[in-house]
């Protein structure tokens, strides 16, 4: 930490108008949030800001939503990405969900039937015949689960970790993920909106929960969002994003300010 601070301090003496931007993806995203908080505390005179992509959940709810954290960190989460939702608390919720589902069948035969019959894949007539034979409903009752979202006081438990600061949720409107060459002005294939930090307190168990963590999916979504902006700075913003994703630093404070506020995307 001392070595990092010394290098940054030397750079800021040479370029006093610069800000300190910390960024990372996945574990690097979580580290960038923690590092930004440490730097801001140790050097309040510095203009520090973190941009974390697919961040590992490293902050308690109290820290994640604190006003000081919101002014310091912008987090970006794509679709059903597993990593920003992963903590001991979210795993306990998943365990409770799986247990509830398994308790609705008495043996493996019934469980296989419920799996195969999902979405009325067997048709109503055949499904009803098998239900009568196995004495088991094809549909799993999830009404209790849907009405039992964790209350806010539960989320204050330190077993729940969340993305920090302002959190922007990127969701794919079309599938599969398109290439980044879509022309500006075309219908946006993604939507972005700011959401509460505890939006990510539960795991989204889907077929894409692992692949949605991949950097190229984040890159495609962010570049499309930048290209869709009806603003003269959209091309400069896309260039800055490409640099950040390639692991390069941006050239100046002016270049950083070309990034549009996420809430306008």
C-alpha atoms as a PDB file:
ATOM      1  CA  UNK A   1       0.000   0.000   0.000  1.00  0.00           C
ATOM      2  CA  UNK A   2       2.817   2.368   0.887  1.00  0.00           C
ATOM      3  CA  UNK A   3       4.610   1.611  -2.391  1.00  0.00           C
ATOM      4  CA  UNK A   4       1.432   2.185  -4.410  1.00  0.00           C
ATOM      5  CA  UNK A   5       0.750   5.470  -2.620  1.00  0.00           C
ATOM      6  CA  UNK A   6       4.309   6.650  -3.274  1.00  0.00           C
ATOM      7  CA  UNK A   7       4.020   5.963  -7.027  1.00  0.00           C
ATOM      8  CA  UNK A   8       0.628   7.693  -7.273  1.00  0.00           C
ATOM      9  CA  UNK A   9       1.811  10.674  -5.234  1.00  0.00           C
ATOM     10  CA  UNK A  10       4.797  11.126  -7.544  1.00  0.00           C
ATOM     11  CA  UNK A  11       2.552  10.959 -10.641  1.00  0.00           C
ATOM     12  CA  UNK A  12       0.107  13.498  -9.205  1.00  0.00           C
ATOM     13  CA  UNK A  13       2.927  15.947  -8.517  1.00  0.00           C
ATOM     14  CA  UNK A  14       3.795  15.763 -12.227  1.00  0.00           C
ATOM     15  CA  UNK A  15       0.162  15.935 -13.343  1.00  0.00           C
ATOM     16  CA  UNK A  16      -1.763  17.786 -10.617  1.00  0.00           C
ATOM     17  CA  UNK A  17      -5.014  17.966 -12.636  1.00  0.00           C
ATOM     18  CA  UNK A  18      -5.291  14.195 -12.923  1.00  0.00           C
ATOM     19  CA  UNK A  19      -7.678  12.020 -10.946  1.00  0.00           C
ATOM     20  CA  UNK A  20      -6.965   8.527  -9.640  1.00  0.00           C
ATOM     21  CA  UNK A  21      -9.122   5.881 -11.356  1.00  0.00           C
ATOM     22  CA  UNK A  22      -9.047   2.319 -10.036  1.00  0.00           C
ATOM     23  CA  UNK A  23     -10.608  -0.441 -12.115  1.00  0.00           C
ATOM     24  CA  UNK A  24     -10.803  -4.211 -12.364  1.00  0.00           C
ATOM     25  CA  UNK A  25     -12.881  -7.219 -13.386  1.00  0.00           C
ATOM     26  CA  UNK A  26     -14.053 -10.120 -11.198  1.00  0.00           C
ATOM     27  CA  UNK A  27     -11.648 -10.487  -8.251  1.00  0.00           C
ATOM     28  CA  UNK A  28      -9.892  -7.412  -9.618  1.00  0.00           C
ATOM     29  CA  UNK A  29     -13.193  -5.557  -9.426  1.00  0.00           C
ATOM     30  CA  UNK A  30     -13.564  -6.419  -5.751  1.00  0.00           C
ATOM     31  CA  UNK A  31      -9.958  -5.430  -5.093  1.00  0.00           C
ATOM     32  CA  UNK A  32     -10.476  -2.119  -6.914  1.00  0.00           C
ATOM     33  CA  UNK A  33     -13.371  -1.284  -4.577  1.00  0.00           C
ATOM     34  CA  UNK A  34     -11.313  -2.049  -1.469  1.00  0.00           C
ATOM     35  CA  UNK A  35      -8.260  -0.224  -2.810  1.00  0.00           C
ATOM     36  CA  UNK A  36     -10.292   2.876  -3.662  1.00  0.00           C
ATOM     37  CA  UNK A  37     -11.685   2.958  -0.134  1.00  0.00           C
ATOM     38  CA  UNK A  38      -8.212   2.608   1.393  1.00  0.00           C
ATOM     39  CA  UNK A  39      -6.721   5.289  -0.864  1.00  0.00           C
ATOM     40  CA  UNK A  40      -9.590   7.702  -0.226  1.00  0.00           C
ATOM     41  CA  UNK A  41      -9.189   7.270   3.528  1.00  0.00           C
ATOM     42  CA  UNK A  42      -5.399   7.610   3.500  1.00  0.00           C
ATOM     43  CA  UNK A  43      -5.362  10.502   0.999  1.00  0.00           C
ATOM     44  CA  UNK A  44      -8.611  12.496   1.169  1.00  0.00           C
ATOM     45  CA  UNK A  45      -6.936  15.212  -0.926  1.00  0.00           C
ATOM     46  CA  UNK A  46      -6.849  12.870  -3.944  1.00  0.00           C
ATOM     47  CA  UNK A  47      -9.786  12.579  -6.349  1.00  0.00           C
ATOM     48  CA  UNK A  48     -10.179   8.792  -6.262  1.00  0.00           C
ATOM     49  CA  UNK A  49     -12.884   6.804  -8.025  1.00  0.00           C
ATOM     50  CA  UNK A  50     -13.337   3.073  -8.698  1.00  0.00           C
ATOM     51  CA  UNK A  51     -14.998   1.509 -11.728  1.00  0.00           C
ATOM     52  CA  UNK A  52     -15.560  -2.169 -10.968  1.00  0.00           C
ATOM     53  CA  UNK A  53     -16.843  -4.664 -13.529  1.00  0.00           C
ATOM     54  CA  UNK A  54     -18.364  -7.991 -12.438  1.00  0.00           C
ATOM     55  CA  UNK A  55     -16.908  -7.343  -8.973  1.00  0.00           C
ATOM     56  CA  UNK A  56     -16.503 -10.103  -6.462  1.00  0.00           C
ATOM     57  CA  UNK A  57     -18.865  -9.223  -3.608  1.00  0.00           C
ATOM     58  CA  UNK A  58     -16.547  -7.905  -0.886  1.00  0.00           C
ATOM     59  CA  UNK A  59     -18.582  -5.339   1.075  1.00  0.00           C
ATOM     60  CA  UNK A  60     -21.215  -5.722   3.751  1.00  0.00           C
ATOM     61  CA  UNK A  61     -24.535  -4.020   3.083  1.00  0.00           C
ATOM     62  CA  UNK A  62     -23.707  -1.258   5.558  1.00  0.00           C
ATOM     63  CA  UNK A  63     -20.494  -0.398   3.713  1.00  0.00           C
ATOM     64  CA  UNK A  64     -21.883  -1.008   0.215  1.00  0.00           C
ATOM     65  CA  UNK A  65     -24.728   1.524   0.542  1.00  0.00           C
ATOM     66  CA  UNK A  66     -22.915   4.146   2.636  1.00  0.00           C
ATOM     67  CA  UNK A  67     -23.060   7.634   1.027  1.00  0.00           C
ATOM     68  CA  UNK A  68     -19.263   7.855   1.032  1.00  0.00           C
ATOM     69  CA  UNK A  69     -19.059   4.556  -0.849  1.00  0.00           C
ATOM     70  CA  UNK A  70     -21.688   5.663  -3.376  1.00  0.00           C
ATOM     71  CA  UNK A  71     -19.634   8.735  -4.213  1.00  0.00           C
ATOM     72  CA  UNK A  72     -16.486   6.629  -4.561  1.00  0.00           C
ATOM     73  CA  UNK A  73     -17.475   3.478  -6.507  1.00  0.00           C
ATOM     74  CA  UNK A  74     -19.434   2.651  -9.670  1.00  0.00           C
ATOM     75  CA  UNK A  75     -20.088  -1.085 -10.066  1.00  0.00           C
ATOM     76  CA  UNK A  76     -21.344  -2.769 -13.242  1.00  0.00           C
ATOM     77  CA  UNK A  77     -23.089  -6.162 -13.280  1.00  0.00           C
ATOM     78  CA  UNK A  78     -24.140  -7.960 -16.461  1.00  0.00           C
ATOM     79  CA  UNK A  79     -27.263 -10.113 -16.701  1.00  0.00           C
ATOM     80  CA  UNK A  80     -27.162 -13.224 -14.466  1.00  0.00           C
ATOM     81  CA  UNK A  81     -23.466 -13.034 -13.585  1.00  0.00           C
ATOM     82  CA  UNK A  82     -22.782 -15.344 -10.640  1.00  0.00           C
ATOM     83  CA  UNK A  83     -19.777 -13.612  -9.082  1.00  0.00           C
ATOM     84  CA  UNK A  84     -21.288 -10.293  -7.839  1.00  0.00           C
ATOM     85  CA  UNK A  85     -24.096 -12.311  -6.208  1.00  0.00           C
ATOM     86  CA  UNK A  86     -21.883 -14.913  -4.529  1.00  0.00           C
ATOM     87  CA  UNK A  87     -21.520 -14.840  -0.743  1.00  0.00           C
ATOM     88  CA  UNK A  88     -22.167 -17.143   2.190  1.00  0.00           C
ATOM     89  CA  UNK A  89     -25.575 -15.507   2.668  1.00  0.00           C
ATOM     90  CA  UNK A  90     -26.658 -16.047  -0.953  1.00  0.00           C
ATOM     91  CA  UNK A  91     -25.472 -19.659  -0.809  1.00  0.00           C
ATOM     92  CA  UNK A  92     -27.559 -20.240   2.324  1.00  0.00           C
ATOM     93  CA  UNK A  93     -30.601 -18.860   0.471  1.00  0.00           C
ATOM     94  CA  UNK A  94     -29.904 -21.196  -2.460  1.00  0.00           C
ATOM     95  CA  UNK A  95     -29.567 -24.143  -0.084  1.00  0.00           C
ATOM     96  CA  UNK A  96     -32.957 -23.305   1.477  1.00  0.00           C
ATOM     97  CA  UNK A  97     -34.520 -23.074  -1.999  1.00  0.00           C
ATOM     98  CA  UNK A  98     -33.127 -26.420  -3.154  1.00  0.00           C
ATOM     99  CA  UNK A  99     -34.208 -28.088   0.088  1.00  0.00           C
ATOM    100  CA  UNK A 100     -37.734 -26.730  -0.332  1.00  0.00           C
ATOM    101  CA  UNK A 101     -37.918 -28.084  -3.895  1.00  0.00           C
ATOM    102  CA  UNK A 102     -36.527 -31.507  -2.992  1.00  0.00           C
ATOM    103  CA  UNK A 103     -39.022 -31.894  -0.155  1.00  0.00           C
ATOM    104  CA  UNK A 104     -41.851 -31.812  -2.700  1.00  0.00           C
ATOM    105  CA  UNK A 105     -40.893 -35.232  -4.082  1.00  0.00           C
ATOM    106  CA  UNK A 106     -40.350 -38.514  -2.246  1.00  0.00           C
ATOM    107  CA  UNK A 107     -37.894 -40.283  -4.527  1.00  0.00           C
ATOM    108  CA  UNK A 108     -35.639 -39.845  -7.541  1.00  0.00           C
ATOM    109  CA  UNK A 109     -38.329 -41.083  -9.948  1.00  0.00           C
ATOM    110  CA  UNK A 110     -40.625 -38.230  -8.945  1.00  0.00           C
ATOM    111  CA  UNK A 111     -37.751 -35.733  -9.177  1.00  0.00           C
ATOM    112  CA  UNK A 112     -36.881 -36.874 -12.706  1.00  0.00           C
ATOM    113  CA  UNK A 113     -40.553 -36.570 -13.691  1.00  0.00           C
ATOM    114  CA  UNK A 114     -40.757 -33.006 -12.357  1.00  0.00           C
ATOM    115  CA  UNK A 115     -37.614 -32.110 -14.277  1.00  0.00           C
ATOM    116  CA  UNK A 116     -38.749 -33.675 -17.561  1.00  0.00           C
ATOM    117  CA  UNK A 117     -42.311 -32.334 -17.312  1.00  0.00           C
ATOM    118  CA  UNK A 118     -41.202 -28.754 -16.711  1.00  0.00           C
ATOM    119  CA  UNK A 119     -42.855 -26.246 -19.027  1.00  0.00           C
ATOM    120  CA  UNK A 120     -45.532 -28.780 -19.986  1.00  0.00           C
ATOM    121  CA  UNK A 121     -42.979 -30.555 -22.200  1.00  0.00           C
ATOM    122  CA  UNK A 122     -44.939 -33.823 -22.056  1.00  0.00           C
ATOM    123  CA  UNK A 123     -48.321 -32.324 -22.840  1.00  0.00           C
ATOM    124  CA  UNK A 124     -51.282 -32.047 -20.482  1.00  0.00           C
ATOM    125  CA  UNK A 125     -52.744 -35.524 -21.053  1.00  0.00           C
ATOM    126  CA  UNK A 126     -49.509 -37.476 -20.516  1.00  0.00           C
ATOM    127  CA  UNK A 127     -48.480 -35.256 -17.610  1.00  0.00           C
ATOM    128  CA  UNK A 128     -51.792 -35.883 -15.828  1.00  0.00           C
ATOM    129  CA  UNK A 129     -51.522 -39.656 -16.360  1.00  0.00           C
ATOM    130  CA  UNK A 130     -48.032 -39.754 -14.871  1.00  0.00           C
ATOM    131  CA  UNK A 131     -49.083 -37.502 -11.986  1.00  0.00           C
ATOM    132  CA  UNK A 132     -51.854 -39.947 -11.082  1.00  0.00           C
ATOM    133  CA  UNK A 133     -49.495 -42.894 -11.374  1.00  0.00           C
ATOM    134  CA  UNK A 134     -46.652 -41.406  -9.314  1.00  0.00           C
ATOM    135  CA  UNK A 135     -48.869 -39.462  -6.895  1.00  0.00           C
ATOM    136  CA  UNK A 136     -46.735 -36.429  -7.574  1.00  0.00           C
ATOM    137  CA  UNK A 137     -47.393 -33.026  -9.090  1.00  0.00           C
ATOM    138  CA  UNK A 138     -45.341 -32.080 -12.120  1.00  0.00           C
ATOM    139  CA  UNK A 139     -45.176 -28.423 -11.114  1.00  0.00           C
ATOM    140  CA  UNK A 140     -43.018 -27.448  -8.158  1.00  0.00           C
ATOM    141  CA  UNK A 141     -44.749 -25.055  -5.760  1.00  0.00           C
ATOM    142  CA  UNK A 142     -42.566 -21.968  -5.436  1.00  0.00           C
ATOM    143  CA  UNK A 143     -45.211 -19.627  -4.036  1.00  0.00           C
ATOM    144  CA  UNK A 144     -43.652 -19.740  -0.569  1.00  0.00           C
ATOM    145  CA  UNK A 145     -40.225 -18.945  -1.951  1.00  0.00           C
ATOM    146  CA  UNK A 146     -41.507 -15.987  -3.973  1.00  0.00           C
ATOM    147  CA  UNK A 147     -43.036 -14.457  -0.855  1.00  0.00           C
ATOM    148  CA  UNK A 148     -39.962 -14.993   1.325  1.00  0.00           C
ATOM    149  CA  UNK A 149     -37.357 -12.576   0.006  1.00  0.00           C
ATOM    150  CA  UNK A 150     -34.818 -11.785   2.716  1.00  0.00           C
ATOM    151  CA  UNK A 151     -35.896  -8.768   4.812  1.00  0.00           C
ATOM    152  CA  UNK A 152     -33.511  -5.774   5.063  1.00  0.00           C
ATOM    153  CA  UNK A 153     -32.435  -6.688   8.595  1.00  0.00           C
ATOM    154  CA  UNK A 154     -31.316 -10.118   7.329  1.00  0.00           C
ATOM    155  CA  UNK A 155     -29.193  -8.458   4.661  1.00  0.00           C
ATOM    156  CA  UNK A 156     -27.337  -6.557   7.388  1.00  0.00           C
ATOM    157  CA  UNK A 157     -25.920  -9.926   8.460  1.00  0.00           C
ATOM    158  CA  UNK A 158     -22.187  -9.954   7.539  1.00  0.00           C
ATOM    159  CA  UNK A 159     -22.650 -13.256   5.668  1.00  0.00           C
ATOM    160  CA  UNK A 160     -24.285 -11.225   2.868  1.00  0.00           C
ATOM    161  CA  UNK A 161     -21.743  -9.398   0.704  1.00  0.00           C
ATOM    162  CA  UNK A 162     -22.733  -7.057  -2.119  1.00  0.00           C
ATOM    163  CA  UNK A 163     -21.272  -4.943  -4.930  1.00  0.00           C
ATOM    164  CA  UNK A 164     -20.398  -1.513  -3.577  1.00  0.00           C
ATOM    165  CA  UNK A 165     -21.356   2.073  -4.369  1.00  0.00           C
ATOM    166  CA  UNK A 166     -23.711   2.906  -7.226  1.00  0.00           C
ATOM    167  CA  UNK A 167     -24.568  -0.324  -9.032  1.00  0.00           C
ATOM    168  CA  UNK A 168     -25.568  -0.384 -12.698  1.00  0.00           C
ATOM    169  CA  UNK A 169     -27.286  -3.464 -14.063  1.00  0.00           C
ATOM    170  CA  UNK A 170     -26.695  -4.345 -17.721  1.00  0.00           C
ATOM    171  CA  UNK A 171     -29.213  -6.772 -19.211  1.00  0.00           C
ATOM    172  CA  UNK A 172     -29.242  -8.300 -22.672  1.00  0.00           C
ATOM    173  CA  UNK A 173     -32.382  -7.510 -24.668  1.00  0.00           C
ATOM    174  CA  UNK A 174     -31.464  -9.880 -27.486  1.00  0.00           C
ATOM    175  CA  UNK A 175     -29.739 -13.252 -27.489  1.00  0.00           C
ATOM    176  CA  UNK A 176     -27.129 -14.387 -28.265  1.00  0.00           C
ATOM    177  CA  UNK A 177     -24.764 -11.520 -27.416  1.00  0.00           C
ATOM    178  CA  UNK A 178     -24.230  -9.488 -30.623  1.00  0.00           C
ATOM    179  CA  UNK A 179     -20.861  -8.287 -31.813  1.00  0.00           C
ATOM    180  CA  UNK A 180     -19.651  -4.820 -30.873  1.00  0.00           C
ATOM    181  CA  UNK A 181     -19.945  -3.537 -34.439  1.00  0.00           C
ATOM    182  CA  UNK A 182     -23.621  -2.573 -34.285  1.00  0.00           C
ATOM    183  CA  UNK A 183     -23.977   0.902 -35.738  1.00  0.00           C
ATOM    184  CA  UNK A 184     -24.980   3.776 -33.492  1.00  0.00           C
ATOM    185  CA  UNK A 185     -28.647   4.643 -33.704  1.00  0.00           C
ATOM    186  CA  UNK A 186     -29.863   1.053 -34.108  1.00  0.00           C
ATOM    187  CA  UNK A 187     -32.205  -0.388 -31.457  1.00  0.00           C
ATOM    188  CA  UNK A 188     -30.058  -1.010 -28.371  1.00  0.00           C
ATOM    189  CA  UNK A 189     -29.482  -4.723 -27.648  1.00  0.00           C
ATOM    190  CA  UNK A 190     -28.933  -3.915 -23.968  1.00  0.00           C
ATOM    191  CA  UNK A 191     -30.582  -1.922 -21.243  1.00  0.00           C
ATOM    192  CA  UNK A 192     -28.806  -0.337 -18.289  1.00  0.00           C
ATOM    193  CA  UNK A 193     -30.299   0.987 -15.087  1.00  0.00           C
ATOM    194  CA  UNK A 194     -29.163   1.791 -11.595  1.00  0.00           C
ATOM    195  CA  UNK A 195     -30.441  -0.729  -9.051  1.00  0.00           C
ATOM    196  CA  UNK A 196     -30.223  -1.110  -5.250  1.00  0.00           C
ATOM    197  CA  UNK A 197     -27.161  -2.981  -4.032  1.00  0.00           C
ATOM    198  CA  UNK A 198     -29.293  -5.709  -2.463  1.00  0.00           C
ATOM    199  CA  UNK A 199     -30.732  -6.477  -5.911  1.00  0.00           C
ATOM    200  CA  UNK A 200     -27.820  -8.926  -5.998  1.00  0.00           C
ATOM    201  CA  UNK A 201     -28.401 -10.614  -2.643  1.00  0.00           C
ATOM    202  CA  UNK A 202     -29.658 -13.826  -4.300  1.00  0.00           C
ATOM    203  CA  UNK A 203     -28.080 -16.052  -6.937  1.00  0.00           C
ATOM    204  CA  UNK A 204     -29.753 -16.112 -10.349  1.00  0.00           C
ATOM    205  CA  UNK A 205     -29.619 -19.795 -11.277  1.00  0.00           C
ATOM    206  CA  UNK A 206     -29.739 -19.811 -15.088  1.00  0.00           C
ATOM    207  CA  UNK A 207     -27.911 -21.395 -18.001  1.00  0.00           C
ATOM    208  CA  UNK A 208     -25.910 -18.168 -18.447  1.00  0.00           C
ATOM    209  CA  UNK A 209     -24.885 -17.558 -14.843  1.00  0.00           C
ATOM    210  CA  UNK A 210     -21.252 -18.528 -15.546  1.00  0.00           C
ATOM    211  CA  UNK A 211     -20.747 -17.253 -19.113  1.00  0.00           C
ATOM    212  CA  UNK A 212     -22.300 -13.888 -18.220  1.00  0.00           C
ATOM    213  CA  UNK A 213     -19.189 -13.294 -16.107  1.00  0.00           C
ATOM    214  CA  UNK A 214     -16.876 -13.340 -19.133  1.00  0.00           C
ATOM    215  CA  UNK A 215     -15.188 -10.012 -19.976  1.00  0.00           C
ATOM    216  CA  UNK A 216     -16.274 -10.011 -23.629  1.00  0.00           C
ATOM    217  CA  UNK A 217     -19.936  -9.924 -22.594  1.00  0.00           C
ATOM    218  CA  UNK A 218     -19.330  -6.878 -20.431  1.00  0.00           C
ATOM    219  CA  UNK A 219     -17.300  -5.266 -23.186  1.00  0.00           C
ATOM    220  CA  UNK A 220     -20.037  -5.801 -25.780  1.00  0.00           C
ATOM    221  CA  UNK A 221     -22.734  -4.405 -23.499  1.00  0.00           C
ATOM    222  CA  UNK A 222     -20.744  -1.333 -22.463  1.00  0.00           C
ATOM    223  CA  UNK A 223     -19.568  -0.503 -25.970  1.00  0.00           C
ATOM    224  CA  UNK A 224     -23.101  -0.787 -27.324  1.00  0.00           C
ATOM    225  CA  UNK A 225     -24.343   1.451 -24.518  1.00  0.00           C
ATOM    226  CA  UNK A 226     -21.686   4.035 -25.395  1.00  0.00           C
ATOM    227  CA  UNK A 227     -22.441   3.832 -29.133  1.00  0.00           C
ATOM    228  CA  UNK A 228     -26.172   4.274 -28.498  1.00  0.00           C
ATOM    229  CA  UNK A 229     -25.659   7.632 -26.818  1.00  0.00           C
ATOM    230  CA  UNK A 230     -26.960  10.550 -28.866  1.00  0.00           C
ATOM    231  CA  UNK A 231     -23.994  12.652 -27.894  1.00  0.00           C
ATOM    232  CA  UNK A 232     -20.935  13.993 -29.761  1.00  0.00           C
ATOM    233  CA  UNK A 233     -18.704  12.345 -27.156  1.00  0.00           C
ATOM    234  CA  UNK A 234     -19.966   8.808 -27.818  1.00  0.00           C
ATOM    235  CA  UNK A 235     -16.967   7.743 -29.907  1.00  0.00           C
ATOM    236  CA  UNK A 236     -14.515   9.156 -27.365  1.00  0.00           C
ATOM    237  CA  UNK A 237     -16.396   7.349 -24.595  1.00  0.00           C
ATOM    238  CA  UNK A 238     -16.160   4.051 -26.470  1.00  0.00           C
ATOM    239  CA  UNK A 239     -12.423   4.592 -26.943  1.00  0.00           C
ATOM    240  CA  UNK A 240     -11.954   5.187 -23.215  1.00  0.00           C
ATOM    241  CA  UNK A 241     -13.886   2.011 -22.389  1.00  0.00           C
ATOM    242  CA  UNK A 242     -11.742   0.001 -24.792  1.00  0.00           C
ATOM    243  CA  UNK A 243      -8.612   1.306 -23.066  1.00  0.00           C
ATOM    244  CA  UNK A 244      -9.920   0.449 -19.610  1.00  0.00           C
ATOM    245  CA  UNK A 245     -10.867  -3.072 -20.696  1.00  0.00           C
ATOM    246  CA  UNK A 246      -7.462  -3.579 -22.329  1.00  0.00           C
ATOM    247  CA  UNK A 247      -5.819  -2.720 -19.005  1.00  0.00           C
ATOM    248  CA  UNK A 248      -4.386   0.603 -20.170  1.00  0.00           C
ATOM    249  CA  UNK A 249      -4.567   3.854 -18.269  1.00  0.00           C
ATOM    250  CA  UNK A 250      -6.360   6.800 -19.837  1.00  0.00           C
ATOM    251  CA  UNK A 251      -4.326   9.764 -20.977  1.00  0.00           C
ATOM    252  CA  UNK A 252      -5.809  12.597 -18.962  1.00  0.00           C
ATOM    253  CA  UNK A 253      -8.553  13.852 -16.699  1.00  0.00           C
ATOM    254  CA  UNK A 254     -10.255  15.313 -19.779  1.00  0.00           C
ATOM    255  CA  UNK A 255     -10.361  11.861 -21.373  1.00  0.00           C
ATOM    256  CA  UNK A 256     -11.936  10.414 -18.261  1.00  0.00           C
ATOM    257  CA  UNK A 257     -14.653  13.049 -18.227  1.00  0.00           C
ATOM    258  CA  UNK A 258     -15.614  11.933 -21.751  1.00  0.00           C
ATOM    259  CA  UNK A 259     -17.215   8.922 -20.102  1.00  0.00           C
ATOM    260  CA  UNK A 260     -20.946   9.742 -19.879  1.00  0.00           C
ATOM    261  CA  UNK A 261     -22.771   9.301 -16.566  1.00  0.00           C
ATOM    262  CA  UNK A 262     -24.081   5.693 -16.479  1.00  0.00           C
ATOM    263  CA  UNK A 263     -27.576   6.881 -15.579  1.00  0.00           C
ATOM    264  CA  UNK A 264     -27.825   8.571 -19.001  1.00  0.00           C
ATOM    265  CA  UNK A 265     -27.168   5.341 -20.914  1.00  0.00           C
END
